[in-house]
N, C-alpha and C. Protein backbone atom coordinates (compact mmCIF):
# COMPACT_ATOMS: atom_id res chain seq x y z
N MET A 1 0.83 -1.17 -0.02
CA MET A 1 0.03 0.00 0.00
C MET A 1 0.89 1.23 0.02
N LEU A 2 0.52 2.22 -0.79
CA LEU A 2 1.29 3.42 -0.90
C LEU A 2 0.71 4.51 -0.04
N TYR A 3 1.52 5.12 0.76
CA TYR A 3 1.08 6.20 1.62
C TYR A 3 1.79 7.51 1.21
N GLN A 4 1.14 8.62 1.36
CA GLN A 4 1.68 9.91 1.02
C GLN A 4 2.16 10.59 2.30
N THR A 5 3.42 10.38 2.63
CA THR A 5 3.98 11.01 3.83
C THR A 5 4.68 12.32 3.51
N ASN A 6 4.86 12.62 2.21
CA ASN A 6 5.58 13.84 1.85
C ASN A 6 4.81 15.12 2.17
N VAL A 7 3.50 14.99 2.48
CA VAL A 7 2.75 16.18 2.86
C VAL A 7 2.94 16.53 4.36
N ILE A 8 3.57 15.64 5.09
CA ILE A 8 3.90 15.94 6.48
C ILE A 8 5.10 16.85 6.51
N GLU A 9 4.92 18.02 7.18
CA GLU A 9 5.92 19.04 7.11
C GLU A 9 6.75 19.23 8.36
N THR A 10 6.31 18.67 9.48
CA THR A 10 7.07 18.88 10.71
C THR A 10 7.38 17.57 11.44
N ILE A 11 8.41 17.60 12.24
CA ILE A 11 8.78 16.45 13.03
C ILE A 11 7.66 16.16 14.05
N ALA A 12 7.07 17.23 14.60
CA ALA A 12 5.97 17.06 15.59
C ALA A 12 4.81 16.32 14.94
N GLN A 13 4.47 16.65 13.70
CA GLN A 13 3.38 15.90 13.02
C GLN A 13 3.76 14.41 12.89
N CYS A 14 5.01 14.17 12.57
CA CYS A 14 5.45 12.75 12.46
C CYS A 14 5.31 12.09 13.81
N ASP A 15 5.81 12.74 14.88
CA ASP A 15 5.75 12.17 16.19
C ASP A 15 4.29 11.85 16.59
N LEU A 16 3.37 12.79 16.30
CA LEU A 16 1.94 12.57 16.63
C LEU A 16 1.39 11.36 15.89
N LEU A 17 1.67 11.29 14.59
CA LEU A 17 1.14 10.19 13.80
C LEU A 17 1.75 8.89 14.19
N ILE A 18 3.06 8.91 14.52
CA ILE A 18 3.70 7.67 14.96
C ILE A 18 3.10 7.16 16.26
N ALA A 19 2.83 8.12 17.19
CA ALA A 19 2.21 7.73 18.47
C ALA A 19 0.79 7.16 18.27
N GLU A 20 0.04 7.82 17.39
CA GLU A 20 -1.33 7.33 17.13
C GLU A 20 -1.27 5.94 16.47
N THR A 21 -0.34 5.77 15.57
CA THR A 21 -0.19 4.47 14.87
C THR A 21 0.19 3.42 15.88
N ARG A 22 1.13 3.73 16.79
CA ARG A 22 1.54 2.76 17.81
C ARG A 22 0.35 2.39 18.70
N ASP A 23 -0.47 3.38 19.09
CA ASP A 23 -1.66 3.11 19.88
C ASP A 23 -2.61 2.16 19.15
N GLU A 24 -2.82 2.44 17.89
CA GLU A 24 -3.70 1.59 17.07
C GLU A 24 -3.15 0.18 17.00
N ILE A 25 -1.85 0.03 16.78
CA ILE A 25 -1.21 -1.31 16.68
C ILE A 25 -1.38 -2.04 17.99
N ASN A 26 -1.12 -1.35 19.12
CA ASN A 26 -1.27 -1.99 20.42
C ASN A 26 -2.71 -2.49 20.66
N GLY A 27 -3.69 -1.64 20.27
CA GLY A 27 -5.10 -2.03 20.40
C GLY A 27 -5.42 -3.25 19.60
N LEU A 28 -4.92 -3.30 18.36
CA LEU A 28 -5.17 -4.44 17.49
C LEU A 28 -4.47 -5.70 18.01
N ILE A 29 -3.27 -5.53 18.54
CA ILE A 29 -2.58 -6.69 19.11
C ILE A 29 -3.40 -7.27 20.28
N LEU A 30 -3.96 -6.41 21.11
CA LEU A 30 -4.78 -6.86 22.25
C LEU A 30 -6.04 -7.59 21.69
N LYS A 31 -6.67 -7.00 20.72
CA LYS A 31 -7.86 -7.59 20.13
C LYS A 31 -7.55 -8.95 19.49
N LYS A 32 -6.41 -8.99 18.82
CA LYS A 32 -5.97 -10.25 18.18
C LYS A 32 -5.72 -11.27 19.28
N SER A 33 -5.09 -10.90 20.32
CA SER A 33 -4.80 -11.80 21.43
C SER A 33 -6.09 -12.34 22.02
N THR A 34 -7.09 -11.48 22.20
CA THR A 34 -8.41 -11.90 22.70
C THR A 34 -9.05 -12.96 21.78
N TYR A 35 -9.00 -12.69 20.48
CA TYR A 35 -9.58 -13.66 19.55
C TYR A 35 -8.82 -15.00 19.59
N GLU A 36 -7.51 -14.90 19.69
CA GLU A 36 -6.77 -16.11 19.72
C GLU A 36 -7.04 -16.94 21.00
N SER A 37 -7.32 -16.25 22.08
CA SER A 37 -7.71 -16.95 23.34
C SER A 37 -9.07 -17.63 23.15
N GLN A 38 -9.99 -16.98 22.50
CA GLN A 38 -11.29 -17.56 22.23
C GLN A 38 -11.17 -18.77 21.34
N ILE A 39 -10.28 -18.72 20.37
CA ILE A 39 -10.04 -19.84 19.50
C ILE A 39 -9.56 -21.02 20.32
N ALA A 40 -8.64 -20.74 21.25
CA ALA A 40 -8.02 -21.81 22.04
C ALA A 40 -9.04 -22.50 22.94
N ASN A 41 -10.10 -21.76 23.32
CA ASN A 41 -11.10 -22.32 24.24
C ASN A 41 -12.24 -23.05 23.54
N ASN A 42 -12.28 -23.07 22.18
CA ASN A 42 -13.43 -23.61 21.48
C ASN A 42 -13.48 -25.13 21.39
N SER A 43 -12.33 -25.77 21.45
CA SER A 43 -12.32 -27.25 21.38
C SER A 43 -11.07 -27.77 22.04
N ASN A 44 -11.14 -29.06 22.34
CA ASN A 44 -9.95 -29.70 22.96
C ASN A 44 -8.74 -29.61 22.04
N LEU A 45 -8.94 -29.83 20.76
CA LEU A 45 -7.86 -29.77 19.82
C LEU A 45 -7.30 -28.33 19.77
N ALA A 46 -8.18 -27.38 19.87
CA ALA A 46 -7.82 -25.95 19.78
C ALA A 46 -7.05 -25.48 21.00
N ASN A 47 -6.92 -26.30 22.01
CA ASN A 47 -6.18 -25.90 23.20
C ASN A 47 -4.69 -25.93 22.97
N VAL A 48 -4.21 -26.75 22.05
CA VAL A 48 -2.76 -26.86 21.82
C VAL A 48 -2.34 -26.04 20.61
N ILE A 49 -3.03 -26.17 19.53
CA ILE A 49 -2.59 -25.55 18.27
C ILE A 49 -2.58 -24.02 18.31
N PRO A 50 -3.59 -23.33 18.86
CA PRO A 50 -3.51 -21.83 18.90
C PRO A 50 -2.30 -21.35 19.73
N THR A 51 -1.96 -22.06 20.78
CA THR A 51 -0.80 -21.70 21.58
C THR A 51 0.45 -21.76 20.70
N GLN A 52 0.52 -22.82 19.90
CA GLN A 52 1.66 -22.96 18.98
C GLN A 52 1.68 -21.86 17.95
N ILE A 53 0.48 -21.47 17.47
CA ILE A 53 0.39 -20.35 16.50
C ILE A 53 0.81 -19.06 17.12
N VAL A 54 0.35 -18.77 18.34
CA VAL A 54 0.74 -17.55 19.01
C VAL A 54 2.24 -17.52 19.25
N ASP A 55 2.78 -18.67 19.66
CA ASP A 55 4.26 -18.75 19.86
C ASP A 55 4.97 -18.46 18.55
N LEU A 56 4.47 -19.00 17.46
CA LEU A 56 5.12 -18.77 16.16
C LEU A 56 4.98 -17.29 15.76
N GLU A 57 3.81 -16.72 16.02
CA GLU A 57 3.63 -15.30 15.68
C GLU A 57 4.57 -14.44 16.49
N THR A 58 4.79 -14.81 17.74
CA THR A 58 5.74 -14.08 18.60
C THR A 58 7.15 -14.20 18.02
N LEU A 59 7.51 -15.40 17.63
CA LEU A 59 8.84 -15.62 17.02
C LEU A 59 8.98 -14.87 15.71
N ILE A 60 7.92 -14.88 14.92
CA ILE A 60 7.92 -14.17 13.63
C ILE A 60 8.11 -12.67 13.88
N ALA A 61 7.31 -12.14 14.83
CA ALA A 61 7.39 -10.73 15.13
C ALA A 61 8.79 -10.34 15.64
N ALA A 62 9.39 -11.21 16.47
CA ALA A 62 10.75 -10.93 16.96
C ALA A 62 11.74 -10.95 15.82
N LYS A 63 11.58 -11.91 14.89
CA LYS A 63 12.47 -11.99 13.75
C LYS A 63 12.31 -10.79 12.81
N GLN A 64 11.04 -10.29 12.68
CA GLN A 64 10.82 -9.13 11.83
C GLN A 64 11.48 -7.87 12.43
N ILE A 65 11.43 -7.80 13.75
CA ILE A 65 12.10 -6.65 14.41
C ILE A 65 13.63 -6.78 14.21
N GLN A 66 14.11 -8.01 14.35
CA GLN A 66 15.55 -8.30 14.10
C GLN A 66 15.93 -7.93 12.67
N LEU A 67 15.03 -8.31 11.73
CA LEU A 67 15.29 -8.02 10.34
C LEU A 67 15.37 -6.52 10.04
N GLN A 68 14.46 -5.79 10.65
CA GLN A 68 14.48 -4.31 10.47
C GLN A 68 15.77 -3.69 11.01
N ALA A 69 16.33 -4.29 12.05
CA ALA A 69 17.52 -3.71 12.69
C ALA A 69 18.78 -4.14 12.00
N GLU A 70 18.76 -5.23 11.23
CA GLU A 70 19.96 -5.80 10.62
C GLU A 70 20.33 -4.99 9.36
N THR A 71 21.63 -4.77 9.20
CA THR A 71 22.13 -4.02 8.05
C THR A 71 22.86 -4.89 7.05
N GLU A 72 23.38 -6.02 7.49
CA GLU A 72 24.16 -6.91 6.60
C GLU A 72 23.22 -7.74 5.71
N THR A 73 23.45 -7.69 4.41
CA THR A 73 22.60 -8.40 3.44
C THR A 73 22.53 -9.88 3.69
N VAL A 74 23.63 -10.54 3.92
CA VAL A 74 23.66 -11.97 4.14
C VAL A 74 22.82 -12.32 5.38
N GLU A 75 23.02 -11.58 6.45
CA GLU A 75 22.25 -11.86 7.67
C GLU A 75 20.78 -11.59 7.50
N ARG A 76 20.45 -10.51 6.71
CA ARG A 76 19.05 -10.20 6.43
C ARG A 76 18.37 -11.36 5.67
N ASN A 77 19.12 -11.90 4.70
CA ASN A 77 18.57 -13.03 3.93
C ASN A 77 18.35 -14.25 4.79
N THR A 78 19.27 -14.50 5.75
CA THR A 78 19.11 -15.63 6.67
C THR A 78 17.90 -15.45 7.55
N ILE A 79 17.73 -14.22 8.05
CA ILE A 79 16.59 -13.93 8.91
C ILE A 79 15.28 -14.02 8.14
N GLN A 80 15.30 -13.54 6.88
CA GLN A 80 14.07 -13.63 6.06
C GLN A 80 13.72 -15.04 5.77
N MET A 81 14.68 -15.92 5.53
CA MET A 81 14.37 -17.36 5.31
C MET A 81 13.79 -18.00 6.58
N GLU A 82 14.30 -17.58 7.74
CA GLU A 82 13.74 -18.10 9.01
C GLU A 82 12.32 -17.60 9.21
N ILE A 83 12.06 -16.33 8.85
CA ILE A 83 10.65 -15.82 8.94
C ILE A 83 9.74 -16.62 8.02
N ASN A 84 10.19 -16.90 6.80
CA ASN A 84 9.41 -17.69 5.87
C ASN A 84 9.13 -19.11 6.39
N ARG A 85 10.18 -19.70 7.00
CA ARG A 85 10.00 -21.05 7.54
C ARG A 85 8.97 -21.03 8.68
N LEU A 86 9.07 -20.05 9.57
CA LEU A 86 8.14 -19.95 10.69
C LEU A 86 6.73 -19.66 10.19
N SER A 87 6.63 -18.83 9.14
CA SER A 87 5.32 -18.50 8.57
C SER A 87 4.65 -19.73 7.96
N ASN A 88 5.45 -20.54 7.28
CA ASN A 88 4.92 -21.78 6.70
C ASN A 88 4.48 -22.74 7.80
N LYS A 89 5.24 -22.82 8.88
CA LYS A 89 4.88 -23.70 9.98
C LYS A 89 3.56 -23.16 10.64
N LYS A 90 3.47 -21.83 10.76
CA LYS A 90 2.23 -21.23 11.33
C LYS A 90 1.05 -21.56 10.44
N MET A 91 1.23 -21.43 9.11
CA MET A 91 0.15 -21.77 8.20
C MET A 91 -0.27 -23.23 8.30
N SER A 92 0.67 -24.11 8.53
CA SER A 92 0.38 -25.53 8.69
C SER A 92 -0.48 -25.75 9.91
N TYR A 93 -0.11 -25.11 11.02
CA TYR A 93 -0.95 -25.24 12.23
C TYR A 93 -2.32 -24.66 12.03
N GLU A 94 -2.39 -23.52 11.35
CA GLU A 94 -3.71 -22.93 11.07
C GLU A 94 -4.57 -23.85 10.19
N ASN A 95 -3.98 -24.50 9.27
CA ASN A 95 -4.70 -25.43 8.40
C ASN A 95 -5.22 -26.62 9.22
N ARG A 96 -4.39 -27.15 10.09
CA ARG A 96 -4.82 -28.25 10.96
C ARG A 96 -5.98 -27.85 11.83
N LEU A 97 -5.88 -26.68 12.35
CA LEU A 97 -6.95 -26.17 13.25
C LEU A 97 -8.26 -26.01 12.50
N GLU A 98 -8.20 -25.45 11.28
CA GLU A 98 -9.41 -25.26 10.49
C GLU A 98 -10.04 -26.62 10.12
N ASN A 99 -9.25 -27.64 9.94
CA ASN A 99 -9.81 -28.95 9.58
C ASN A 99 -10.63 -29.57 10.70
N PHE A 100 -10.36 -29.21 11.96
CA PHE A 100 -11.01 -29.84 13.08
C PHE A 100 -11.95 -28.93 13.86
N ALA A 101 -12.03 -27.70 13.48
CA ALA A 101 -12.78 -26.71 14.29
C ALA A 101 -14.13 -26.37 13.67
N GLY A 102 -15.00 -25.80 14.45
CA GLY A 102 -16.30 -25.38 14.00
C GLY A 102 -16.30 -24.03 13.35
N SER A 103 -17.48 -23.64 12.83
CA SER A 103 -17.55 -22.36 12.10
C SER A 103 -17.28 -21.17 12.93
N ASN A 104 -17.61 -21.19 14.23
CA ASN A 104 -17.28 -20.05 15.12
C ASN A 104 -15.79 -19.85 15.19
N LEU A 105 -15.07 -20.94 15.24
CA LEU A 105 -13.62 -20.88 15.26
C LEU A 105 -13.12 -20.31 13.98
N LEU A 106 -13.71 -20.71 12.86
CA LEU A 106 -13.29 -20.18 11.56
C LEU A 106 -13.57 -18.67 11.46
N ASP A 107 -14.69 -18.24 12.03
CA ASP A 107 -14.98 -16.79 12.08
C ASP A 107 -13.91 -16.03 12.84
N LYS A 108 -13.51 -16.58 13.98
CA LYS A 108 -12.50 -15.92 14.82
C LYS A 108 -11.16 -15.90 14.08
N GLN A 109 -10.83 -17.01 13.39
CA GLN A 109 -9.59 -17.05 12.62
C GLN A 109 -9.61 -15.99 11.51
N LEU A 110 -10.75 -15.83 10.87
CA LEU A 110 -10.88 -14.80 9.83
C LEU A 110 -10.62 -13.41 10.45
N ASP A 111 -11.20 -13.17 11.62
CA ASP A 111 -11.00 -11.91 12.31
C ASP A 111 -9.49 -11.70 12.60
N VAL A 112 -8.82 -12.75 13.02
CA VAL A 112 -7.37 -12.67 13.33
C VAL A 112 -6.59 -12.37 12.02
N ALA A 113 -6.97 -12.99 10.94
CA ALA A 113 -6.30 -12.75 9.67
C ALA A 113 -6.49 -11.31 9.21
N LYS A 114 -7.67 -10.80 9.38
CA LYS A 114 -7.95 -9.39 9.03
C LYS A 114 -7.13 -8.44 9.91
N ILE A 115 -7.05 -8.75 11.18
CA ILE A 115 -6.22 -7.94 12.07
C ILE A 115 -4.76 -7.99 11.65
N GLU A 116 -4.29 -9.18 11.31
CA GLU A 116 -2.88 -9.29 10.89
C GLU A 116 -2.62 -8.44 9.65
N LYS A 117 -3.55 -8.43 8.69
CA LYS A 117 -3.34 -7.59 7.49
C LYS A 117 -3.37 -6.15 7.88
N THR A 118 -4.26 -5.74 8.77
CA THR A 118 -4.29 -4.35 9.22
C THR A 118 -2.96 -3.98 9.94
N LEU A 119 -2.51 -4.92 10.75
CA LEU A 119 -1.26 -4.68 11.46
C LEU A 119 -0.07 -4.51 10.47
N GLU A 120 -0.06 -5.31 9.44
CA GLU A 120 0.99 -5.15 8.42
C GLU A 120 0.93 -3.78 7.80
N ALA A 121 -0.29 -3.31 7.43
CA ALA A 121 -0.42 -1.99 6.84
C ALA A 121 0.01 -0.92 7.80
N LEU A 122 -0.40 -1.03 9.05
CA LEU A 122 -0.02 -0.02 10.06
C LEU A 122 1.48 -0.01 10.28
N ASN A 123 2.11 -1.18 10.31
CA ASN A 123 3.58 -1.23 10.50
C ASN A 123 4.28 -0.58 9.27
N ASP A 124 3.76 -0.83 8.08
CA ASP A 124 4.34 -0.18 6.89
C ASP A 124 4.21 1.34 6.99
N PHE A 125 3.04 1.80 7.41
CA PHE A 125 2.81 3.22 7.56
C PHE A 125 3.73 3.83 8.63
N LYS A 126 3.86 3.13 9.75
CA LYS A 126 4.74 3.60 10.80
C LYS A 126 6.17 3.73 10.29
N THR A 127 6.62 2.73 9.54
CA THR A 127 7.99 2.77 8.96
C THR A 127 8.14 3.97 8.03
N MET A 128 7.13 4.24 7.23
CA MET A 128 7.21 5.42 6.34
C MET A 128 7.24 6.69 7.14
N LEU A 129 6.47 6.77 8.22
CA LEU A 129 6.47 7.95 9.07
C LEU A 129 7.86 8.16 9.69
N GLU A 130 8.44 7.07 10.16
CA GLU A 130 9.80 7.16 10.76
C GLU A 130 10.82 7.63 9.75
N THR A 131 10.66 7.13 8.50
CA THR A 131 11.54 7.56 7.42
C THR A 131 11.39 9.05 7.13
N ARG A 132 10.14 9.47 7.08
CA ARG A 132 9.84 10.92 6.81
C ARG A 132 10.40 11.75 7.95
N LYS A 133 10.25 11.31 9.19
CA LYS A 133 10.79 12.05 10.36
C LYS A 133 12.29 12.17 10.22
N ALA A 134 12.97 11.08 9.85
CA ALA A 134 14.41 11.12 9.70
C ALA A 134 14.83 12.09 8.57
N ASP A 135 14.04 12.11 7.48
CA ASP A 135 14.32 13.07 6.41
C ASP A 135 14.15 14.49 6.90
N LEU A 136 13.11 14.75 7.65
CA LEU A 136 12.88 16.09 8.20
C LEU A 136 13.99 16.50 9.15
N GLN A 137 14.44 15.54 9.97
CA GLN A 137 15.51 15.85 10.91
C GLN A 137 16.81 16.10 10.16
N ALA A 138 17.08 15.38 9.07
CA ALA A 138 18.26 15.61 8.27
C ALA A 138 18.19 16.95 7.60
N SER A 139 17.01 17.34 7.11
CA SER A 139 16.84 18.65 6.51
C SER A 139 17.05 19.78 7.52
N ALA A 140 16.55 19.56 8.70
CA ALA A 140 16.70 20.59 9.75
C ALA A 140 18.18 20.73 10.13
N SER A 141 18.91 19.61 10.16
CA SER A 141 20.34 19.66 10.51
C SER A 141 21.15 20.34 9.41
N ALA A 142 20.76 20.11 8.19
CA ALA A 142 21.46 20.69 7.07
C ALA A 142 21.26 22.20 6.97
N ALA A 143 20.11 22.64 7.44
CA ALA A 143 19.80 24.06 7.32
C ALA A 143 20.50 24.94 8.31
């Protein structure tokens, strides 16, 4: 998704939008966690698999943070391959869960997937805001 951050003219505007985006992300993470807890309580089978999914999501999120911080290309590629492996494993668990769960569980999983997509978009937007802020700071330093 393409965002227009070039219309942001001040560092304060960037800071405000970054804070609002962070708040929105935190709210969605809490909502997602709630849905995942409901999924885990829906059936005996769902008691184990959602926990594994949440653990994988936590690992994936940690790896994504590590990827953002890494500057070496070889290490970035290694981390990205690990993220892909964990994502495939997560998808496998999700598929197993869907095969044995009821429609309410499927509805909750759909909600989680929608939240994950929204979180991806918000994280992209936050990254663009941080980049714009850095550009503004560099311009202010140069002036």
